[in-house]
Protein backbone atom coordinates (compact mmCIF):
# COMPACT_ATOMS: atom_id res chain seq x y z
CA MET A 1 2.67 36.81 26.95
CA LYS A 2 3.24 36.46 30.69
CA LYS A 3 -0.39 35.49 31.32
CA ILE A 4 -0.23 32.98 28.51
CA LYS A 5 2.95 31.49 29.93
CA ILE A 6 1.40 31.13 33.38
CA PHE A 7 -1.63 29.40 31.89
CA MET A 8 0.57 27.11 29.82
CA MET A 9 2.64 26.18 32.89
CA MET A 10 -0.55 25.27 34.75
CA LEU A 11 -1.77 23.22 31.80
CA LEU A 12 1.60 21.49 31.49
CA ALA A 13 1.43 20.56 35.16
CA VAL A 14 -1.96 18.95 34.61
CA LEU A 15 -0.74 17.08 31.53
CA SER A 16 2.41 15.95 33.33
CA PHE A 17 0.33 14.60 36.22
CA ALA A 18 -1.87 12.73 33.76
CA ALA A 19 1.20 11.29 32.03
CA CYS A 20 2.58 10.03 35.34
CA SER A 21 -0.78 8.47 36.13
CA ASP A 22 -0.77 6.73 32.74
CA ASP A 23 2.33 4.74 33.66
CA ASP A 24 0.79 3.43 36.87
CA ASP A 25 -2.74 2.82 35.63
CA PRO A 26 -2.82 2.56 31.83
CA ASN A 27 -6.06 3.48 30.14
CA GLU A 28 -7.42 2.47 26.78
CA ASN A 29 -6.19 5.62 25.01
CA VAL A 30 -2.61 5.22 26.25
CA ILE A 31 -2.50 1.56 25.24
CA SER A 32 -3.83 2.49 21.80
CA GLU A 33 -0.99 5.01 21.41
CA TYR A 34 1.54 2.26 22.13
CA THR A 35 -0.23 -0.11 19.74
CA HIS A 36 -0.40 2.52 16.98
CA ASN A 37 3.32 3.30 17.15
CA ASP A 38 4.28 -0.36 17.57
CA GLN A 39 2.50 -1.17 14.32
CA ILE A 40 4.09 1.71 12.38
CA VAL A 41 7.62 0.98 13.57
CA SER A 42 7.32 -2.78 13.11
CA ALA A 43 6.08 -2.24 9.55
CA GLN A 44 8.99 0.11 8.84
CA LYS A 45 11.53 -2.40 10.18
CA ALA A 46 9.98 -5.22 8.15
CA LYS A 47 10.12 -3.05 5.03
CA SER A 48 13.71 -1.81 5.48
CA GLY A 49 15.24 -4.93 7.00
CA LYS A 50 17.48 -2.69 9.13
CA ASN A 51 18.53 -3.53 12.69
CA GLU A 52 19.54 -0.04 13.82
CA ALA A 53 17.25 2.82 14.80
CA VAL A 54 17.83 6.52 15.41
CA LEU A 55 15.27 8.40 17.50
CA LEU A 56 15.47 12.18 17.29
CA VAL A 57 13.90 13.96 20.27
CA ALA A 58 12.89 17.61 19.90
CA PHE A 59 10.95 19.68 22.40
CA GLY A 60 8.48 20.39 19.61
CA SER A 61 6.73 23.21 17.81
CA THR A 62 3.50 24.05 15.99
CA TRP A 63 4.95 26.28 13.28
CA THR A 64 5.01 25.12 9.65
CA ASN A 65 8.58 26.38 9.16
CA ALA A 66 9.63 24.31 12.19
CA PHE A 67 7.97 21.20 10.71
CA ALA A 68 10.00 21.79 7.54
CA ALA A 69 13.19 22.04 9.63
CA PHE A 70 12.35 18.77 11.38
CA ASP A 71 11.71 17.08 8.02
CA GLU A 72 15.01 18.37 6.66
CA THR A 73 16.83 17.14 9.76
CA LYS A 74 15.29 13.67 9.47
CA LYS A 75 16.43 13.47 5.83
CA ALA A 76 19.95 14.54 6.82
CA TYR A 77 20.04 11.77 9.42
CA GLU A 78 18.80 9.21 6.93
CA GLN A 79 21.72 10.13 4.68
CA ALA A 80 24.19 10.07 7.59
CA PHE A 81 22.88 6.73 8.92
CA PRO A 82 22.04 4.63 5.85
CA ASN A 83 21.90 1.44 7.93
CA ALA A 84 19.32 2.82 10.37
CA ASP A 85 15.63 3.64 10.37
CA VAL A 86 15.16 7.22 11.61
CA TYR A 87 12.23 8.27 13.79
CA PHE A 88 11.19 11.63 15.22
CA CYS A 89 9.30 12.60 18.38
CA PHE A 90 8.34 15.57 20.58
CA SER A 91 8.90 15.69 24.32
CA SER A 92 6.27 18.41 24.87
CA ASP A 93 2.66 17.25 25.32
CA ILE A 94 1.44 20.78 24.60
CA CYS A 95 3.30 20.94 21.27
CA ILE A 96 2.03 17.46 20.36
CA ASN A 97 -1.60 18.40 21.02
CA ARG A 98 -1.42 21.79 19.33
CA ALA A 99 0.48 20.45 16.31
CA SER A 100 -2.21 17.78 15.91
CA ALA A 101 -4.86 20.52 16.04
CA GLY A 102 -3.05 22.52 13.35
CA GLU A 103 -2.50 25.65 15.43
CA HIS A 104 -0.75 27.44 12.56
CA GLY A 105 -2.64 25.83 9.70
CA GLU A 106 -0.77 22.57 9.14
CA LYS A 107 -1.70 19.50 11.18
CA ARG A 108 1.06 17.08 12.18
CA ASP A 109 0.99 13.98 14.36
CA TYR A 110 3.96 13.57 16.67
CA TYR A 111 4.30 11.35 19.74
CA GLU A 112 6.15 11.28 23.06
CA PRO A 113 9.51 9.50 23.37
CA ARG A 114 7.98 6.70 25.46
CA TYR A 115 5.76 5.55 22.59
CA LEU A 116 8.54 5.56 20.00
CA LEU A 117 11.03 3.95 22.36
CA HIS A 118 8.58 1.19 23.20
CA ALA A 119 7.85 0.65 19.50
CA ILE A 120 11.57 0.47 18.71
CA GLY A 121 11.98 -2.07 21.52
CA ALA A 122 8.96 -4.07 20.40
CA ALA A 123 10.46 -4.25 16.90
CA LYS A 124 13.70 -5.46 18.53
CA TYR A 125 16.24 -3.25 16.85
CA SER A 126 19.67 -4.41 18.00
CA LYS A 127 21.19 -0.92 18.21
CA VAL A 128 19.32 2.25 19.19
CA TYR A 129 20.60 5.82 19.07
CA VAL A 130 18.57 8.43 20.95
CA GLN A 131 19.62 11.93 19.96
CA SER A 132 18.60 15.01 21.91
CA LEU A 133 17.98 18.01 19.66
CA GLN A 134 18.27 20.39 22.62
CA VAL A 135 20.87 23.18 22.50
CA ILE A 136 22.13 22.89 26.09
CA PRO A 137 22.10 19.93 28.51
CA GLY A 138 19.44 21.57 30.69
CA GLU A 139 16.00 20.64 32.00
CA GLU A 140 14.62 19.31 28.71
CA PHE A 141 17.68 17.14 28.15
CA ALA A 142 17.29 15.74 31.68
CA ASN A 143 13.76 14.69 30.66
CA VAL A 144 15.16 12.90 27.59
CA VAL A 145 17.66 11.04 29.78
CA ALA A 146 14.86 10.02 32.15
CA ALA A 147 12.76 8.68 29.26
CA VAL A 148 15.62 6.60 27.88
CA LYS A 149 16.48 5.22 31.32
CA LYS A 150 12.87 4.22 31.83
CA PHE A 151 12.89 2.43 28.48
CA ALA A 152 16.12 0.61 29.35
CA ASN A 153 14.65 -0.48 32.69
CA ASN A 154 11.37 -1.67 31.12
CA GLY A 155 9.50 0.91 33.17
CA TYR A 156 6.66 1.84 30.85
CA VAL A 157 2.99 0.89 31.30
CA LYS A 158 2.14 -2.55 32.68
CA ASP A 159 0.25 -3.73 29.63
CA ALA A 160 3.03 -2.77 27.22
CA HIS A 161 6.12 -4.30 28.78
CA LEU A 162 9.05 -5.29 26.58
CA ASP A 163 11.09 -8.48 26.46
CA ASP A 164 13.58 -8.34 29.35
CA GLU A 165 16.01 -10.62 27.51
CA TYR A 166 15.99 -8.25 24.54
CA LEU A 167 16.69 -5.26 26.78
CA LYS A 168 19.73 -7.02 28.25
CA LYS A 169 21.29 -7.29 24.79
CA VAL A 170 20.22 -4.15 22.92
CA GLU A 171 22.80 -1.38 22.53
CA ILE A 172 21.34 1.97 23.58
CA HIS A 173 23.41 5.05 22.74
CA LEU A 174 22.65 8.55 24.03
CA GLY A 175 23.52 11.54 21.83
CA MET A 176 24.28 14.79 23.64
CA PRO A 177 22.86 18.29 23.01
CA LEU A 178 24.55 20.80 20.75
CA LEU A 179 26.55 22.66 23.41
CA ASN A 180 27.44 19.67 25.52
CA ASP A 181 30.90 20.82 26.58
CA LEU A 182 33.50 23.51 25.94
CA ASP A 183 34.81 21.85 22.78
CA GLU A 184 31.37 22.14 21.20
CA VAL A 185 31.04 25.73 22.42
CA ASP A 186 34.23 26.65 20.55
CA ASP A 187 33.16 24.69 17.46
CA VAL A 188 29.73 26.34 17.34
CA ALA A 189 31.25 29.80 17.89
CA LYS A 190 33.55 29.30 14.91
CA LEU A 191 30.70 28.12 12.69
CA LEU A 192 28.41 30.96 13.75
CA ASN A 193 31.17 33.45 13.01
CA ASP A 194 31.63 31.87 9.58
CA LEU A 195 27.94 32.46 8.95
CA TYR A 196 27.50 35.91 10.47
CA LYS A 197 30.87 37.68 10.34
CA ASP A 198 29.55 40.03 7.63
CA GLU A 199 26.75 41.09 9.97
CA ALA A 200 29.20 41.51 12.85
CA ALA A 201 31.22 43.87 10.62
CA GLN A 202 28.13 46.08 10.26
CA GLY A 203 26.70 46.06 13.78
CA ALA A 204 25.86 43.93 16.80
CA VAL A 205 24.72 40.32 16.40
CA ALA A 206 22.54 39.12 19.28
CA PHE A 207 21.57 35.48 19.68
CA MET A 208 18.49 34.62 21.72
CA GLY A 209 18.59 31.26 23.50
CA HIS A 210 16.03 29.78 25.83
CA GLY A 211 17.84 29.13 29.09
CA ASN A 212 16.47 27.65 32.30
CA PRO A 213 15.32 29.38 35.48
CA ASP A 214 17.76 28.77 38.34
CA ASN A 215 15.62 26.03 39.90
CA TYR A 216 15.60 24.10 36.61
CA ASP A 217 19.21 24.63 35.54
CA SER A 218 20.01 20.93 35.17
CA PHE A 219 23.74 20.12 34.93
CA LYS A 220 24.36 23.90 35.43
CA ALA A 221 23.90 24.20 31.70
CA ASN A 222 23.10 27.92 31.56
CA VAL A 223 26.81 28.63 31.69
CA ARG A 224 27.01 27.48 28.06
CA TYR A 225 25.40 30.76 26.92
CA THR A 226 28.01 32.82 28.74
CA GLN A 227 30.77 30.60 27.40
CA LEU A 228 29.43 30.88 23.86
CA GLU A 229 29.40 34.67 24.05
CA GLN A 230 32.97 34.64 25.32
CA ALA A 231 34.02 32.31 22.49
CA LEU A 232 32.25 34.45 19.88
CA GLN A 233 33.83 37.63 21.17
CA LYS A 234 37.25 36.22 20.39
CA PHE A 235 36.18 36.84 16.78
CA SER A 236 34.34 40.13 17.38
CA LYS A 237 33.11 42.19 20.32
CA ASN A 238 29.91 42.65 18.33
CA TYR A 239 28.59 39.17 19.25
CA TYR A 240 26.22 38.69 22.21
CA VAL A 241 24.21 35.79 23.60
CA GLY A 242 21.13 36.26 25.79
CA THR A 243 18.08 34.23 26.76
CA VAL A 244 14.40 34.42 27.60
CA ASP A 245 14.69 32.45 30.84
CA MET A 246 18.19 32.69 32.35
CA LYS A 247 18.52 35.08 35.28
CA ASN A 248 20.72 38.10 34.56
CA ASN A 249 20.94 37.24 30.88
CA TYR A 250 17.80 38.80 29.46
CA LYS A 251 17.61 41.30 26.59
CA GLN A 252 18.27 44.25 28.92
CA ASN A 253 21.41 42.53 30.20
CA VAL A 254 22.54 42.01 26.62
CA MET A 255 22.04 45.71 25.91
CA ASP A 256 24.00 46.65 29.04
CA ARG A 257 26.92 44.53 27.83
CA MET A 258 26.68 46.13 24.39
CA LYS A 259 26.80 49.61 25.89
CA GLY A 260 29.74 48.51 28.02
CA ASN A 261 31.54 47.89 24.72
CA ASN A 262 30.42 51.33 23.49
CA ILE A 263 27.73 49.94 21.17
CA LYS A 264 25.02 52.49 21.95
CA ASN A 265 23.21 52.56 18.61
CA GLY A 266 23.39 51.14 15.10
CA LYS A 267 22.24 47.83 13.67
CA VAL A 268 21.38 44.83 15.82
CA TYR A 269 20.93 41.55 13.95
CA LEU A 270 18.74 39.12 15.91
CA HIS A 271 19.04 35.34 15.59
CA ALA A 272 17.38 32.44 17.42
CA LEU A 273 19.84 30.24 19.29
CA MET A 274 17.27 27.44 19.29
CA SER A 275 16.95 24.27 17.26
CA ILE A 276 13.95 25.69 15.39
CA ALA A 277 12.24 29.05 15.02
CA GLY A 278 8.96 28.58 16.92
CA ASP A 279 6.94 30.74 19.28
CA HIS A 280 9.96 32.24 21.01
CA ALA A 281 11.64 33.20 17.74
CA HIS A 282 8.49 34.54 16.08
CA ASN A 283 7.11 36.36 19.12
CA ASP A 284 9.68 36.93 21.88
CA MET A 285 12.44 37.75 19.41
CA ALA A 286 10.94 38.99 16.15
CA GLY A 287 7.53 40.31 17.26
CA GLU A 288 6.78 43.75 15.82
CA GLY A 289 4.21 46.38 16.72
CA SER A 290 2.32 47.68 19.73
CA ASP A 291 1.40 44.19 20.93
CA TYR A 292 5.10 43.57 21.58
CA TRP A 293 6.03 46.84 23.31
CA ASP A 294 4.94 48.37 26.61
CA SER A 295 6.68 51.71 27.07
CA LYS A 296 5.59 51.82 30.72
CA ASP A 297 7.55 48.65 31.43
CA PRO A 298 10.51 48.59 28.98
CA THR A 299 12.13 45.46 30.42
CA SER A 300 8.92 43.42 30.56
CA GLU A 301 9.26 39.85 29.32
CA ASP A 302 6.24 40.61 27.13
CA ASN A 303 8.34 43.03 25.06
CA SER A 304 10.03 41.45 22.07
CA TRP A 305 13.74 41.79 21.43
CA PHE A 306 12.96 43.52 18.12
CA GLU A 307 10.88 46.23 19.78
CA PHE A 308 13.16 46.47 22.82
CA PHE A 309 16.25 47.33 20.79
CA LYS A 310 14.31 49.51 18.36
CA ASN A 311 12.86 51.56 21.21
CA ASN A 312 16.30 51.90 22.76
CA GLY A 313 17.83 53.63 19.77
CA TYR A 314 19.01 50.67 17.67
CA GLU A 315 18.01 49.44 14.22
CA SER A 316 16.55 45.98 14.80
CA ILE A 317 17.01 43.47 11.98
CA VAL A 318 15.74 39.88 11.89
CA PRO A 319 17.19 37.99 8.89
CA MET A 320 14.46 35.84 7.34
CA LYS A 321 14.06 32.88 5.03
CA ASN A 322 10.64 32.57 3.39
CA GLU A 323 9.39 35.20 5.87
CA ASN A 324 10.51 33.17 8.89
CA PRO A 325 13.46 33.47 11.25
CA LEU A 326 15.95 30.60 11.06
CA GLY A 327 16.57 27.94 13.69
CA LEU A 328 19.89 26.17 14.19
CA LEU A 329 18.70 22.93 12.56
CA GLU A 330 18.32 24.88 9.32
CA LEU A 331 22.04 25.67 9.31
CA PRO A 332 23.75 22.59 7.78
CA THR A 333 27.12 23.16 9.44
CA ILE A 334 25.53 23.51 12.88
CA ARG A 335 23.22 20.54 12.28
CA GLN A 336 26.27 18.46 11.48
CA ILE A 337 27.47 18.82 15.08
CA TRP A 338 24.30 17.07 16.28
CA ILE A 339 24.90 14.36 13.68
CA ASN A 340 28.48 13.97 14.88
CA HIS A 341 27.21 13.64 18.45
CA THR A 342 25.01 10.76 17.33
CA LYS A 343 27.87 9.04 15.51
CA ASN A 344 30.03 9.34 18.62
CA ALA A 345 27.24 8.64 21.12
CA GLU A 346 28.28 6.68 24.18
CA LEU A 347 26.39 3.68 25.48
CA LEU A 348 23.60 4.82 27.77
CA GLU A 349 25.21 3.57 30.97
CA ASP A 350 28.52 5.26 30.19
CA ALA A 351 26.82 8.53 29.28
CA TYR A 352 24.56 8.35 32.33
CA HIS A 353 27.42 7.78 34.75
CA SER A 354 29.44 10.62 33.25
CA MET A 355 26.50 12.95 33.98
CA TYR A 356 25.67 11.40 37.35
CA PRO A 357 29.00 10.20 38.75
CA GLU A 358 27.37 9.27 42.06
CA ALA A 359 25.06 6.76 40.35
CA GLU A 360 25.79 3.11 41.05
């Protein structure tokens, strides 16, 4: 997995460079993407007659079960916001391209936030909610904020500029990630305990989040994982929260904390602390067999959590639905917190200044 990750990082760098170049020197393909989305969104607005729009921004995935979770989330938002048209986009170019190619059998077309935001602006919705479906306000959320700010400042490609007068009047609201502050940490801990207290009565319950490397820990958001574990342990010392990318909070660190609480064997229930169950949940967490275990390097990032705990004397269990792990968007009570964030979303400028108090 490490080699694949290195390759994907290199590819992402190339795609990111190309995306930056698109904004400065638009080519025919980029303009066609704007035109395509402008037409779809304008047709939807004409059909619905609504003047509010909700744009849901996920990192993305290529798994069919994740697509189903996204569809379910969109329907939940349509019910929660009956006066708004609801749109969905991916922030990851790699996920967009691989979903379009049908990496896991089902082909789906998703687009970057810039295309949907431009289309929403071109259709002149009077109120726009942009909701991040990230779990923590880390690097990916920072990218969402940047995209919305660029939209508000009419900063997209030269040949697709929006009406400046419209942008002066439109209300743009920014919805925060799931674990935005300590209040949400406590709320999510309570809801997770409601869901998994029976498991915690039988053994350890370990949640696997993503996390950011130190250099990409925007808004110092990694602390939310530590805070969530602390909040969960008020209910039971059997709850733990680790990550795949946060320093000193990998699976081996989780096991060390478990042993510190005298949990040296027994059942370990594994859950994805991610909006959907994609590659990380299926492979890094739930992967089974020799491809996911290297006994010569037990703490390797290539070893799955399932195999790691199993080979360290525990009984690894991954609860499934239709043979897939569950993501947080599939848990209605957790999903409702995102919906509440959208309903209470601040105007962009207010939200931006609260995150960047030095901004003028």
